[in-house]
Amino acid sequence: MRKLNLNEIWISEQSNEGKWPQLEKELSSAFLSKTRREWSEIFDGTDACVEPVLSWQEVEDHPQNKTRGTFFREKGILQAAAAPKFSRSSPCNNIATSSTRKTLTQVLKEWEIKEN
């Protein structure tokens, strides 16, 4: 509430559904008062759960995504990495190494043969 310059009464009133329309107006007004970059700087280093909404062109270079290895490139194409990631196991990115492509008809014929 402090970072948004909103009245701290909202902390105690946040569960009051009758006041949600007013809270929505105040939040919208607050967020529209600054750019995404400005908000990122304001919330950087805080314990608030706030992250910018990134375009697909921006996600690869975002520091958090880089640190977590959220994306990788396969043959020049940006891909989302496997998730979740655990400390004792490292999921591989299951991108087929074969460039063989099949039509839907071919796949269905293979399934039909396996069924019989």
PDB file of N, CA and C in Angstrom:
ATOM      1  N   MET A   1       0.829  -1.181   0.000  1.00  0.00           N
ATOM      2  CA  MET A   1       0.000   0.000   0.000  1.00  0.00           C
ATOM      3  C   MET A   1       0.881   1.255   0.000  1.00  0.00           C
ATOM      4  N   ARG A   2       1.982   1.154   0.726  1.00  0.00           N
ATOM      5  CA  ARG A   2       2.883   2.324   0.788  1.00  0.00           C
ATOM      6  C   ARG A   2       3.492   2.615  -0.583  1.00  0.00           C
ATOM      7  N   LYS A   3       3.944   1.578  -1.263  1.00  0.00           N
ATOM      8  CA  LYS A   3       4.571   1.772  -2.577  1.00  0.00           C
ATOM      9  C   LYS A   3       3.586   2.352  -3.587  1.00  0.00           C
ATOM     10  N   LEU A   4       2.299   2.043  -3.407  1.00  0.00           N
ATOM     11  CA  LEU A   4       1.265   2.552  -4.308  1.00  0.00           C
ATOM     12  C   LEU A   4       0.687   3.883  -3.833  1.00  0.00           C
ATOM     13  N   ASN A   5       1.144   4.339  -2.679  1.00  0.00           N
ATOM     14  CA  ASN A   5       0.602   5.560  -2.062  1.00  0.00           C
ATOM     15  C   ASN A   5      -0.904   5.469  -1.831  1.00  0.00           C
ATOM     16  N   LEU A   6      -1.369   4.275  -1.395  1.00  0.00           N
ATOM     17  CA  LEU A   6      -2.781   4.091  -1.078  1.00  0.00           C
ATOM     18  C   LEU A   6      -2.974   4.147   0.434  1.00  0.00           C
ATOM     19  N   ASN A   7      -4.180   4.488   0.827  1.00  0.00           N
ATOM     20  CA  ASN A   7      -4.520   4.537   2.243  1.00  0.00           C
ATOM     21  C   ASN A   7      -4.364   3.138   2.843  1.00  0.00           C
ATOM     22  N   GLU A   8      -3.654   3.039   3.933  1.00  0.00           N
ATOM     23  CA  GLU A   8      -3.399   1.734   4.547  1.00  0.00           C
ATOM     24  C   GLU A   8      -4.641   1.107   5.171  1.00  0.00           C
ATOM     25  N   ILE A   9      -5.759   1.811   5.184  1.00  0.00           N
ATOM     26  CA  ILE A   9      -7.021   1.239   5.660  1.00  0.00           C
ATOM     27  C   ILE A   9      -7.405   0.031   4.802  1.00  0.00           C
ATOM     28  N   TRP A  10      -6.911   0.029   3.543  1.00  0.00           N
ATOM     29  CA  TRP A  10      -7.221  -1.091   2.638  1.00  0.00           C
ATOM     30  C   TRP A  10      -6.669  -2.414   3.151  1.00  0.00           C
ATOM     31  N   ILE A  11      -5.658  -2.382   3.978  1.00  0.00           N
ATOM     32  CA  ILE A  11      -5.112  -3.630   4.535  1.00  0.00           C
ATOM     33  C   ILE A  11      -6.176  -4.328   5.368  1.00  0.00           C
ATOM     34  N   SER A  12      -6.890  -3.578   6.178  1.00  0.00           N
ATOM     35  CA  SER A  12      -7.941  -4.183   7.007  1.00  0.00           C
ATOM     36  C   SER A  12      -9.242  -4.378   6.234  1.00  0.00           C
ATOM     37  N   GLU A  13      -9.430  -3.647   5.145  1.00  0.00           N
ATOM     38  CA  GLU A  13     -10.675  -3.718   4.378  1.00  0.00           C
ATOM     39  C   GLU A  13     -10.600  -4.635   3.157  1.00  0.00           C
ATOM     40  N   GLN A  14      -9.447  -5.276   2.934  1.00  0.00           N
ATOM     41  CA  GLN A  14      -9.271  -6.038   1.698  1.00  0.00           C
ATOM     42  C   GLN A  14     -10.247  -7.201   1.526  1.00  0.00           C
ATOM     43  N   SER A  15     -10.808  -7.716   2.600  1.00  0.00           N
ATOM     44  CA  SER A  15     -11.756  -8.834   2.502  1.00  0.00           C
ATOM     45  C   SER A  15     -13.203  -8.366   2.379  1.00  0.00           C
ATOM     46  N   ASN A  16     -13.437  -7.078   2.449  1.00  0.00           N
ATOM     47  CA  ASN A  16     -14.781  -6.525   2.363  1.00  0.00           C
ATOM     48  C   ASN A  16     -15.166  -6.384   0.889  1.00  0.00           C
ATOM     49  N   GLU A  17     -15.881  -7.383   0.373  1.00  0.00           N
ATOM     50  CA  GLU A  17     -16.229  -7.407  -1.052  1.00  0.00           C
ATOM     51  C   GLU A  17     -17.017  -6.187  -1.502  1.00  0.00           C
ATOM     52  N   GLY A  18     -17.774  -5.587  -0.604  1.00  0.00           N
ATOM     53  CA  GLY A  18     -18.539  -4.394  -0.950  1.00  0.00           C
ATOM     54  C   GLY A  18     -17.644  -3.216  -1.313  1.00  0.00           C
ATOM     55  N   LYS A  19     -16.408  -3.239  -0.843  1.00  0.00           N
ATOM     56  CA  LYS A  19     -15.478  -2.147  -1.114  1.00  0.00           C
ATOM     57  C   LYS A  19     -14.520  -2.452  -2.269  1.00  0.00           C
ATOM     58  N   TRP A  20     -14.618  -3.642  -2.840  1.00  0.00           N
ATOM     59  CA  TRP A  20     -13.727  -4.020  -3.932  1.00  0.00           C
ATOM     60  C   TRP A  20     -13.819  -3.090  -5.149  1.00  0.00           C
ATOM     61  N   PRO A  21     -15.021  -2.642  -5.539  1.00  0.00           N
ATOM     62  CA  PRO A  21     -15.059  -1.733  -6.695  1.00  0.00           C
ATOM     63  C   PRO A  21     -14.228  -0.457  -6.451  1.00  0.00           C
ATOM     64  N   GLN A  22     -14.306   0.088  -5.249  1.00  0.00           N
ATOM     65  CA  GLN A  22     -13.523   1.287  -4.938  1.00  0.00           C
ATOM     66  C   GLN A  22     -12.029   0.964  -4.913  1.00  0.00           C
ATOM     67  N   LEU A  23     -11.672  -0.179  -4.327  1.00  0.00           N
ATOM     68  CA  LEU A  23     -10.268  -0.586  -4.293  1.00  0.00           C
ATOM     69  C   LEU A  23      -9.747  -0.781  -5.709  1.00  0.00           C
ATOM     70  N   GLU A  24     -10.553  -1.404  -6.566  1.00  0.00           N
ATOM     71  CA  GLU A  24     -10.150  -1.608  -7.964  1.00  0.00           C
ATOM     72  C   GLU A  24      -9.877  -0.270  -8.649  1.00  0.00           C
ATOM     73  N   LYS A  25     -10.739   0.706  -8.426  1.00  0.00           N
ATOM     74  CA  LYS A  25     -10.536   2.036  -9.015  1.00  0.00           C
ATOM     75  C   LYS A  25      -9.228   2.653  -8.528  1.00  0.00           C
ATOM     76  N   GLU A  26      -9.000   2.563  -7.224  1.00  0.00           N
ATOM     77  CA  GLU A  26      -7.791   3.173  -6.668  1.00  0.00           C
ATOM     78  C   GLU A  26      -6.524   2.459  -7.156  1.00  0.00           C
ATOM     79  N   LEU A  27      -6.575   1.129  -7.222  1.00  0.00           N
ATOM     80  CA  LEU A  27      -5.423   0.385  -7.732  1.00  0.00           C
ATOM     81  C   LEU A  27      -5.164   0.720  -9.199  1.00  0.00           C
ATOM     82  N   SER A  28      -6.228   0.746 -10.005  1.00  0.00           N
ATOM     83  CA  SER A  28      -6.082   1.074 -11.427  1.00  0.00           C
ATOM     84  C   SER A  28      -5.484   2.456 -11.597  1.00  0.00           C
ATOM     85  N   SER A  29      -6.000   3.401 -10.868  1.00  0.00           N
ATOM     86  CA  SER A  29      -5.504   4.770 -10.953  1.00  0.00           C
ATOM     87  C   SER A  29      -4.030   4.845 -10.556  1.00  0.00           C
ATOM     88  N   ALA A  30      -3.683   4.142  -9.486  1.00  0.00           N
ATOM     89  CA  ALA A  30      -2.291   4.151  -9.027  1.00  0.00           C
ATOM     90  C   ALA A  30      -1.368   3.548 -10.081  1.00  0.00           C
ATOM     91  N   PHE A  31      -1.717   2.360 -10.590  1.00  0.00           N
ATOM     92  CA  PHE A  31      -0.840   1.703 -11.557  1.00  0.00           C
ATOM     93  C   PHE A  31      -0.743   2.470 -12.877  1.00  0.00           C
ATOM     94  N   LEU A  32      -1.797   3.161 -13.255  1.00  0.00           N
ATOM     95  CA  LEU A  32      -1.763   3.936 -14.496  1.00  0.00           C
ATOM     96  C   LEU A  32      -0.986   5.243 -14.356  1.00  0.00           C
ATOM     97  N   SER A  33      -0.608   5.583 -13.136  1.00  0.00           N
ATOM     98  CA  SER A  33       0.085   6.852 -12.912  1.00  0.00           C
ATOM     99  C   SER A  33       1.575   6.795 -13.242  1.00  0.00           C
ATOM    100  N   LYS A  34       2.107   5.596 -13.485  1.00  0.00           N
ATOM    101  CA  LYS A  34       3.535   5.447 -13.772  1.00  0.00           C
ATOM    102  C   LYS A  34       3.717   4.409 -14.876  1.00  0.00           C
ATOM    103  N   THR A  35       4.893   4.420 -15.451  1.00  0.00           N
ATOM    104  CA  THR A  35       5.200   3.440 -16.495  1.00  0.00           C
ATOM    105  C   THR A  35       5.560   2.095 -15.866  1.00  0.00           C
ATOM    106  N   ARG A  36       5.595   1.072 -16.672  1.00  0.00           N
ATOM    107  CA  ARG A  36       5.997  -0.251 -16.190  1.00  0.00           C
ATOM    108  C   ARG A  36       7.414  -0.206 -15.633  1.00  0.00           C
ATOM    109  N   ARG A  37       8.288   0.487 -16.319  1.00  0.00           N
ATOM    110  CA  ARG A  37       9.678   0.599 -15.855  1.00  0.00           C
ATOM    111  C   ARG A  37       9.746   1.281 -14.487  1.00  0.00           C
ATOM    112  N   GLU A  38       8.972   2.350 -14.321  1.00  0.00           N
ATOM    113  CA  GLU A  38       8.959   3.037 -13.022  1.00  0.00           C
ATOM    114  C   GLU A  38       8.474   2.116 -11.915  1.00  0.00           C
ATOM    115  N   TRP A  39       7.415   1.345 -12.176  1.00  0.00           N
ATOM    116  CA  TRP A  39       6.911   0.413 -11.158  1.00  0.00           C
ATOM    117  C   TRP A  39       7.933  -0.676 -10.863  1.00  0.00           C
ATOM    118  N   SER A  40       8.614  -1.145 -11.877  1.00  0.00           N
ATOM    119  CA  SER A  40       9.643  -2.165 -11.658  1.00  0.00           C
ATOM    120  C   SER A  40      10.721  -1.636 -10.720  1.00  0.00           C
ATOM    121  N   GLU A  41      11.117  -0.397 -10.925  1.00  0.00           N
ATOM    122  CA  GLU A  41      12.135   0.203 -10.062  1.00  0.00           C
ATOM    123  C   GLU A  41      11.616   0.411  -8.641  1.00  0.00           C
ATOM    124  N   ILE A  42      10.354   0.821  -8.511  1.00  0.00           N
ATOM    125  CA  ILE A  42       9.767   1.048  -7.189  1.00  0.00           C
ATOM    126  C   ILE A  42       9.709  -0.250  -6.388  1.00  0.00           C
ATOM    127  N   PHE A  43       9.318  -1.345  -7.031  1.00  0.00           N
ATOM    128  CA  PHE A  43       9.153  -2.613  -6.319  1.00  0.00           C
ATOM    129  C   PHE A  43      10.418  -3.465  -6.275  1.00  0.00           C
ATOM    130  N   ASP A  44      11.442  -3.089  -7.022  1.00  0.00           N
ATOM    131  CA  ASP A  44      12.689  -3.859  -7.039  1.00  0.00           C
ATOM    132  C   ASP A  44      13.291  -3.934  -5.634  1.00  0.00           C
ATOM    133  N   GLY A  45      13.638  -5.137  -5.214  1.00  0.00           N
ATOM    134  CA  GLY A  45      14.277  -5.332  -3.916  1.00  0.00           C
ATOM    135  C   GLY A  45      13.309  -5.369  -2.744  1.00  0.00           C
ATOM    136  N   THR A  46      12.013  -5.327  -3.017  1.00  0.00           N
ATOM    137  CA  THR A  46      11.036  -5.411  -1.926  1.00  0.00           C
ATOM    138  C   THR A  46      10.523  -6.845  -1.822  1.00  0.00           C
ATOM    139  N   ASP A  47       9.755  -7.126  -0.789  1.00  0.00           N
ATOM    140  CA  ASP A  47       9.177  -8.455  -0.647  1.00  0.00           C
ATOM    141  C   ASP A  47       7.776  -8.525  -1.259  1.00  0.00           C
ATOM    142  N   ALA A  48       7.378  -7.484  -1.983  1.00  0.00           N
ATOM    143  CA  ALA A  48       6.075  -7.482  -2.655  1.00  0.00           C
ATOM    144  C   ALA A  48       6.120  -8.433  -3.850  1.00  0.00           C
ATOM    145  N   CYS A  49       5.041  -9.132  -4.074  1.00  0.00           N
ATOM    146  CA  CYS A  49       4.956 -10.084  -5.180  1.00  0.00           C
ATOM    147  C   CYS A  49       4.487  -9.326  -6.428  1.00  0.00           C
ATOM    148  N   VAL A  50       5.410  -8.600  -7.033  1.00  0.00           N
ATOM    149  CA  VAL A  50       5.102  -7.768  -8.194  1.00  0.00           C
ATOM    150  C   VAL A  50       6.162  -8.004  -9.252  1.00  0.00           C
ATOM    151  N   GLU A  51       5.732  -8.343 -10.438  1.00  0.00           N
ATOM    152  CA  GLU A  51       6.633  -8.530 -11.567  1.00  0.00           C
ATOM    153  C   GLU A  51       5.987  -7.914 -12.800  1.00  0.00           C
ATOM    154  N   PRO A  52       6.769  -7.389 -13.714  1.00  0.00           N
ATOM    155  CA  PRO A  52       6.192  -6.805 -14.929  1.00  0.00           C
ATOM    156  C   PRO A  52       5.646  -7.886 -15.860  1.00  0.00           C
ATOM    157  N   VAL A  53       4.651  -7.518 -16.633  1.00  0.00           N
ATOM    158  CA  VAL A  53       4.156  -8.399 -17.688  1.00  0.00           C
ATOM    159  C   VAL A  53       5.025  -8.119 -18.901  1.00  0.00           C
ATOM    160  N   LEU A  54       5.760  -9.130 -19.329  1.00  0.00           N
ATOM    161  CA  LEU A  54       6.734  -8.967 -20.406  1.00  0.00           C
ATOM    162  C   LEU A  54       6.180  -9.447 -21.736  1.00  0.00           C
ATOM    163  N   SER A  55       6.649  -8.839 -22.796  1.00  0.00           N
ATOM    164  CA  SER A  55       6.315  -9.339 -24.131  1.00  0.00           C
ATOM    165  C   SER A  55       7.196 -10.564 -24.406  1.00  0.00           C
ATOM    166  N   TRP A  56       6.833 -11.341 -25.399  1.00  0.00           N
ATOM    167  CA  TRP A  56       7.623 -12.539 -25.731  1.00  0.00           C
ATOM    168  C   TRP A  56       9.053 -12.145 -26.115  1.00  0.00           C
ATOM    169  N   GLN A  57       9.205 -10.969 -26.702  1.00  0.00           N
ATOM    170  CA  GLN A  57      10.534 -10.512 -27.098  1.00  0.00           C
ATOM    171  C   GLN A  57      11.397 -10.137 -25.886  1.00  0.00           C
ATOM    172  N   GLU A  58      10.795  -9.869 -24.751  1.00  0.00           N
ATOM    173  CA  GLU A  58      11.528  -9.446 -23.560  1.00  0.00           C
ATOM    174  C   GLU A  58      11.859 -10.580 -22.586  1.00  0.00           C
ATOM    175  N   VAL A  59      11.122 -11.677 -22.640  1.00  0.00           N
ATOM    176  CA  VAL A  59      11.252 -12.697 -21.594  1.00  0.00           C
ATOM    177  C   VAL A  59      12.643 -13.318 -21.510  1.00  0.00           C
ATOM    178  N   GLU A  60      13.281 -13.522 -22.620  1.00  0.00           N
ATOM    179  CA  GLU A  60      14.581 -14.191 -22.631  1.00  0.00           C
ATOM    180  C   GLU A  60      15.646 -13.387 -21.882  1.00  0.00           C
ATOM    181  N   ASP A  61      15.569 -12.075 -21.950  1.00  0.00           N
ATOM    182  CA  ASP A  61      16.595 -11.238 -21.339  1.00  0.00           C
ATOM    183  C   ASP A  61      16.253 -10.740 -19.940  1.00  0.00           C
ATOM    184  N   HIS A  62      15.085 -11.096 -19.417  1.00  0.00           N
ATOM    185  CA  HIS A  62      14.726 -10.655 -18.066  1.00  0.00           C
ATOM    186  C   HIS A  62      15.665 -11.344 -17.068  1.00  0.00           C
ATOM    187  N   PRO A  63      16.260 -10.596 -16.136  1.00  0.00           N
ATOM    188  CA  PRO A  63      17.244 -11.166 -15.208  1.00  0.00           C
ATOM    189  C   PRO A  63      16.749 -12.403 -14.443  1.00  0.00           C
ATOM    190  N   GLN A  64      15.494 -12.381 -14.004  1.00  0.00           N
ATOM    191  CA  GLN A  64      14.975 -13.536 -13.257  1.00  0.00           C
ATOM    192  C   GLN A  64      14.879 -14.766 -14.152  1.00  0.00           C
ATOM    193  N   ASN A  65      14.444 -14.595 -15.386  1.00  0.00           N
ATOM    194  CA  ASN A  65      14.346 -15.723 -16.307  1.00  0.00           C
ATOM    195  C   ASN A  65      15.717 -16.264 -16.664  1.00  0.00           C
ATOM    196  N   LYS A  66      16.698 -15.380 -16.792  1.00  0.00           N
ATOM    197  CA  LYS A  66      18.072 -15.822 -17.070  1.00  0.00           C
ATOM    198  C   LYS A  66      18.618 -16.635 -15.901  1.00  0.00           C
ATOM    199  N   THR A  67      18.454 -16.119 -14.693  1.00  0.00           N
ATOM    200  CA  THR A  67      18.965 -16.795 -13.498  1.00  0.00           C
ATOM    201  C   THR A  67      18.338 -18.172 -13.335  1.00  0.00           C
ATOM    202  N   ARG A  68      17.061 -18.283 -13.582  1.00  0.00           N
ATOM    203  CA  ARG A  68      16.336 -19.549 -13.400  1.00  0.00           C
ATOM    204  C   ARG A  68      16.421 -20.480 -14.602  1.00  0.00           C
ATOM    205  N   GLY A  69      16.971 -20.000 -15.695  1.00  0.00           N
ATOM    206  CA  GLY A  69      17.042 -20.832 -16.892  1.00  0.00           C
ATOM    207  C   GLY A  69      15.659 -21.170 -17.420  1.00  0.00           C
ATOM    208  N   THR A  70      14.764 -20.196 -17.398  1.00  0.00           N
ATOM    209  CA  THR A  70      13.375 -20.414 -17.781  1.00  0.00           C
ATOM    210  C   THR A  70      13.210 -20.682 -19.270  1.00  0.00           C
ATOM    211  N   PHE A  71      14.110 -20.141 -20.071  1.00  0.00           N
ATOM    212  CA  PHE A  71      14.022 -20.298 -21.522  1.00  0.00           C
ATOM    213  C   PHE A  71      15.351 -20.768 -22.086  1.00  0.00           C
ATOM    214  N   PHE A  72      15.301 -21.391 -23.235  1.00  0.00           N
ATOM    215  CA  PHE A  72      16.506 -21.799 -23.954  1.00  0.00           C
ATOM    216  C   PHE A  72      16.203 -21.697 -25.443  1.00  0.00           C
ATOM    217  N   ARG A  73      17.238 -21.742 -26.226  1.00  0.00           N
ATOM    218  CA  ARG A  73      17.062 -21.696 -27.682  1.00  0.00           C
ATOM    219  C   ARG A  73      17.432 -23.043 -28.280  1.00  0.00           C
ATOM    220  N   GLU A  74      16.603 -23.517 -29.169  1.00  0.00           N
ATOM    221  CA  GLU A  74      16.850 -24.754 -29.910  1.00  0.00           C
ATOM    222  C   GLU A  74      16.736 -24.396 -31.378  1.00  0.00           C
ATOM    223  N   LYS A  75      17.852 -24.539 -32.096  1.00  0.00           N
ATOM    224  CA  LYS A  75      17.895 -24.193 -33.518  1.00  0.00           C
ATOM    225  C   LYS A  75      17.406 -22.763 -33.744  1.00  0.00           C
ATOM    226  N   GLY A  76      17.794 -21.867 -32.832  1.00  0.00           N
ATOM    227  CA  GLY A  76      17.466 -20.460 -32.973  1.00  0.00           C
ATOM    228  C   GLY A  76      16.057 -20.073 -32.548  1.00  0.00           C
ATOM    229  N   ILE A  77      15.286 -21.039 -32.066  1.00  0.00           N
ATOM    230  CA  ILE A  77      13.903 -20.757 -31.673  1.00  0.00           C
ATOM    231  C   ILE A  77      13.808 -20.769 -30.153  1.00  0.00           C
ATOM    232  N   LEU A  78      13.249 -19.703 -29.594  1.00  0.00           N
ATOM    233  CA  LEU A  78      13.099 -19.577 -28.145  1.00  0.00           C
ATOM    234  C   LEU A  78      12.066 -20.577 -27.644  1.00  0.00           C
ATOM    235  N   GLN A  79      12.446 -21.335 -26.619  1.00  0.00           N
ATOM    236  CA  GLN A  79      11.586 -22.372 -26.049  1.00  0.00           C
ATOM    237  C   GLN A  79      11.491 -22.177 -24.542  1.00  0.00           C
ATOM    238  N   ALA A  80      10.369 -22.545 -23.959  1.00  0.00           N
ATOM    239  CA  ALA A  80      10.233 -22.560 -22.497  1.00  0.00           C
ATOM    240  C   ALA A  80      10.882 -23.845 -21.994  1.00  0.00           C
ATOM    241  N   ALA A  81      11.692 -23.728 -20.953  1.00  0.00           N
ATOM    242  CA  ALA A  81      12.357 -24.900 -20.369  1.00  0.00           C
ATOM    243  C   ALA A  81      11.368 -25.694 -19.526  1.00  0.00           C
ATOM    244  N   ALA A  82      11.727 -26.938 -19.254  1.00  0.00           N
ATOM    245  CA  ALA A  82      10.883 -27.797 -18.431  1.00  0.00           C
ATOM    246  C   ALA A  82      10.736 -27.209 -17.034  1.00  0.00           C
ATOM    247  N   ALA A  83       9.575 -27.408 -16.448  1.00  0.00           N
ATOM    248  CA  ALA A  83       9.308 -26.943 -15.080  1.00  0.00           C
ATOM    249  C   ALA A  83       8.437 -27.987 -14.403  1.00  0.00           C
ATOM    250  N   PRO A  84       8.432 -28.127 -13.133  1.00  0.00           N
ATOM    251  CA  PRO A  84       9.247 -27.382 -12.173  1.00  0.00           C
ATOM    252  C   PRO A  84      10.668 -27.933 -12.128  1.00  0.00           C
ATOM    253  N   LYS A  85      11.515 -27.164 -11.481  1.00  0.00           N
ATOM    254  CA  LYS A  85      12.908 -27.574 -11.318  1.00  0.00           C
ATOM    255  C   LYS A  85      13.147 -27.847  -9.841  1.00  0.00           C
ATOM    256  N   PHE A  86      13.805 -28.961  -9.573  1.00  0.00           N
ATOM    257  CA  PHE A  86      14.083 -29.344  -8.195  1.00  0.00           C
ATOM    258  C   PHE A  86      15.588 -29.370  -7.975  1.00  0.00           C
ATOM    259  N   SER A  87      15.998 -29.225  -6.734  1.00  0.00           N
ATOM    260  CA  SER A  87      17.426 -29.128  -6.431  1.00  0.00           C
ATOM    261  C   SER A  87      18.181 -30.425  -6.710  1.00  0.00           C
ATOM    262  N   ARG A  88      17.515 -31.585  -6.627  1.00  0.00           N
ATOM    263  CA  ARG A  88      18.230 -32.850  -6.804  1.00  0.00           C
ATOM    264  C   ARG A  88      18.032 -33.482  -8.169  1.00  0.00           C
ATOM    265  N   SER A  89      17.278 -32.851  -9.023  1.00  0.00           N
ATOM    266  CA  SER A  89      17.090 -33.406 -10.362  1.00  0.00           C
ATOM    267  C   SER A  89      17.076 -32.273 -11.370  1.00  0.00           C
ATOM    268  N   SER A  90      17.507 -32.596 -12.548  1.00  0.00           N
ATOM    269  CA  SER A  90      17.570 -31.594 -13.593  1.00  0.00           C
ATOM    270  C   SER A  90      16.820 -32.114 -14.810  1.00  0.00           C
ATOM    271  N   PRO A  91      15.592 -31.615 -15.043  1.00  0.00           N
ATOM    272  CA  PRO A  91      14.840 -32.112 -16.190  1.00  0.00           C
ATOM    273  C   PRO A  91      15.505 -31.693 -17.489  1.00  0.00           C
ATOM    274  N   CYS A  92      15.502 -32.596 -18.446  1.00  0.00           N
ATOM    275  CA  CYS A  92      16.074 -32.237 -19.739  1.00  0.00           C
ATOM    276  C   CYS A  92      14.981 -31.588 -20.581  1.00  0.00           C
ATOM    277  N   ASN A  93      15.385 -30.833 -21.532  1.00  0.00           N
ATOM    278  CA  ASN A  93      14.439 -30.211 -22.446  1.00  0.00           C
ATOM    279  C   ASN A  93      14.221 -31.181 -23.594  1.00  0.00           C
ATOM    280  N   ASN A  94      13.045 -31.742 -23.647  1.00  0.00           N
ATOM    281  CA  ASN A  94      12.742 -32.808 -24.590  1.00  0.00           C
ATOM    282  C   ASN A  94      12.362 -32.280 -25.967  1.00  0.00           C
ATOM    283  N   ILE A  95      13.313 -31.705 -26.629  1.00  0.00           N
ATOM    284  CA  ILE A  95      13.104 -31.274 -28.006  1.00  0.00           C
ATOM    285  C   ILE A  95      13.622 -32.394 -28.895  1.00  0.00           C
ATOM    286  N   ALA A  96      12.774 -32.839 -29.784  1.00  0.00           N
ATOM    287  CA  ALA A  96      13.169 -33.940 -30.674  1.00  0.00           C
ATOM    288  C   ALA A  96      14.361 -33.511 -31.520  1.00  0.00           C
ATOM    289  N   THR A  97      15.343 -34.385 -31.584  1.00  0.00           N
ATOM    290  CA  THR A  97      16.521 -34.066 -32.392  1.00  0.00           C
ATOM    291  C   THR A  97      16.289 -34.421 -33.856  1.00  0.00           C
ATOM    292  N   SER A  98      15.301 -35.226 -34.114  1.00  0.00           N
ATOM    293  CA  SER A  98      15.000 -35.598 -35.490  1.00  0.00           C
ATOM    294  C   SER A  98      14.164 -34.505 -36.152  1.00  0.00           C
ATOM    295  N   SER A  99      14.431 -34.256 -37.402  1.00  0.00           N
ATOM    296  CA  SER A  99      13.650 -33.254 -38.116  1.00  0.00           C
ATOM    297  C   SER A  99      12.551 -33.916 -38.945  1.00  0.00           C
ATOM    298  N   THR A 100      12.299 -35.207 -38.698  1.00  0.00           N
ATOM    299  CA  THR A 100      11.264 -35.926 -39.433  1.00  0.00           C
ATOM    300  C   THR A 100       9.897 -35.421 -39.007  1.00  0.00           C
ATOM    301  N   ARG A 101       9.138 -34.981 -39.964  1.00  0.00           N
ATOM    302  CA  ARG A 101       7.792 -34.505 -39.676  1.00  0.00           C
ATOM    303  C   ARG A 101       6.798 -35.459 -40.313  1.00  0.00           C
ATOM    304  N   LYS A 102       5.687 -35.651 -39.621  1.00  0.00           N
ATOM    305  CA  LYS A 102       4.648 -36.538 -40.143  1.00  0.00           C
ATOM    306  C   LYS A 102       3.342 -35.778 -40.225  1.00  0.00           C
ATOM    307  N   THR A 103       2.539 -36.178 -41.176  1.00  0.00           N
ATOM    308  CA  THR A 103       1.215 -35.584 -41.289  1.00  0.00           C
ATOM    309  C   THR A 103       0.295 -36.267 -40.288  1.00  0.00           C
ATOM    310  N   LEU A 104      -0.814 -35.651 -40.014  1.00  0.00           N
ATOM    311  CA  LEU A 104      -1.801 -36.240 -39.115  1.00  0.00           C
ATOM    312  C   LEU A 104      -2.257 -37.598 -39.635  1.00  0.00           C
ATOM    313  N   THR A 105      -2.436 -37.707 -40.922  1.00  0.00           N
ATOM    314  CA  THR A 105      -2.855 -38.978 -41.526  1.00  0.00           C
ATOM    315  C   THR A 105      -1.831 -40.072 -41.267  1.00  0.00           C
ATOM    316  N   GLN A 106      -0.536 -39.735 -41.391  1.00  0.00           N
ATOM    317  CA  GLN A 106       0.511 -40.729 -41.137  1.00  0.00           C
ATOM    318  C   GLN A 106       0.495 -41.199 -39.684  1.00  0.00           C
ATOM    319  N   VAL A 107       0.345 -40.266 -38.769  1.00  0.00           N
ATOM    320  CA  VAL A 107       0.318 -40.616 -37.342  1.00  0.00           C
ATOM    321  C   VAL A 107      -0.885 -41.499 -37.042  1.00  0.00           C
ATOM    322  N   LEU A 108      -2.045 -41.143 -37.565  1.00  0.00           N
ATOM    323  CA  LEU A 108      -3.250 -41.939 -37.317  1.00  0.00           C
ATOM    324  C   LEU A 108      -3.119 -43.340 -37.904  1.00  0.00           C
ATOM    325  N   LYS A 109      -2.501 -43.475 -39.064  1.00  0.00           N
ATOM    326  CA  LYS A 109      -2.285 -44.797 -39.662  1.00  0.00           C
ATOM    327  C   LYS A 109      -1.375 -45.643 -38.778  1.00  0.00           C
ATOM    328  N   GLU A 110      -0.318 -45.024 -38.200  1.00  0.00           N
ATOM    329  CA  GLU A 110       0.576 -45.750 -37.293  1.00  0.00           C
ATOM    330  C   GLU A 110      -0.172 -46.220 -36.053  1.00  0.00           C
ATOM    331  N   TRP A 111      -1.027 -45.390 -35.520  1.00  0.00           N
ATOM    332  CA  TRP A 111      -1.807 -45.772 -34.342  1.00  0.00           C
ATOM    333  C   TRP A 111      -2.769 -46.901 -34.683  1.00  0.00           C
ATOM    334  N   GLU A 112      -3.352 -46.847 -35.884  1.00  0.00           N
ATOM    335  CA  GLU A 112      -4.293 -47.867 -36.304  1.00  0.00           C
ATOM    336  C   GLU A 112      -3.603 -49.212 -36.388  1.00  0.00           C
ATOM    337  N   ILE A 113      -2.386 -49.234 -36.922  1.00  0.00           N
ATOM    338  CA  ILE A 113      -1.610 -50.474 -37.027  1.00  0.00           C
ATOM    339  C   ILE A 113      -1.314 -51.027 -35.649  1.00  0.00           C
ATOM    340  N   LYS A 114      -0.957 -50.183 -34.692  1.00  0.00           N
ATOM    341  CA  LYS A 114      -0.647 -50.612 -33.328  1.00  0.00           C
ATOM    342  C   LYS A 114      -1.873 -51.139 -32.612  1.00  0.00           C
ATOM    343  N   GLU A 115      -3.061 -50.579 -32.907  1.00  0.00           N
ATOM    344  CA  GLU A 115      -4.304 -50.999 -32.271  1.00  0.00           C
ATOM    345  C   GLU A 115      -4.695 -52.406 -32.712  1.00  0.00           C
ATOM    346  N   ASN A 116      -4.416 -52.752 -33.976  1.00  0.00           N
ATOM    347  CA  ASN A 116      -4.829 -54.058 -34.521  1.00  0.00           C
ATOM    348  C   ASN A 116      -3.850 -55.069 -34.157  1.00  0.00           C
TER     349      ASN A 116
END
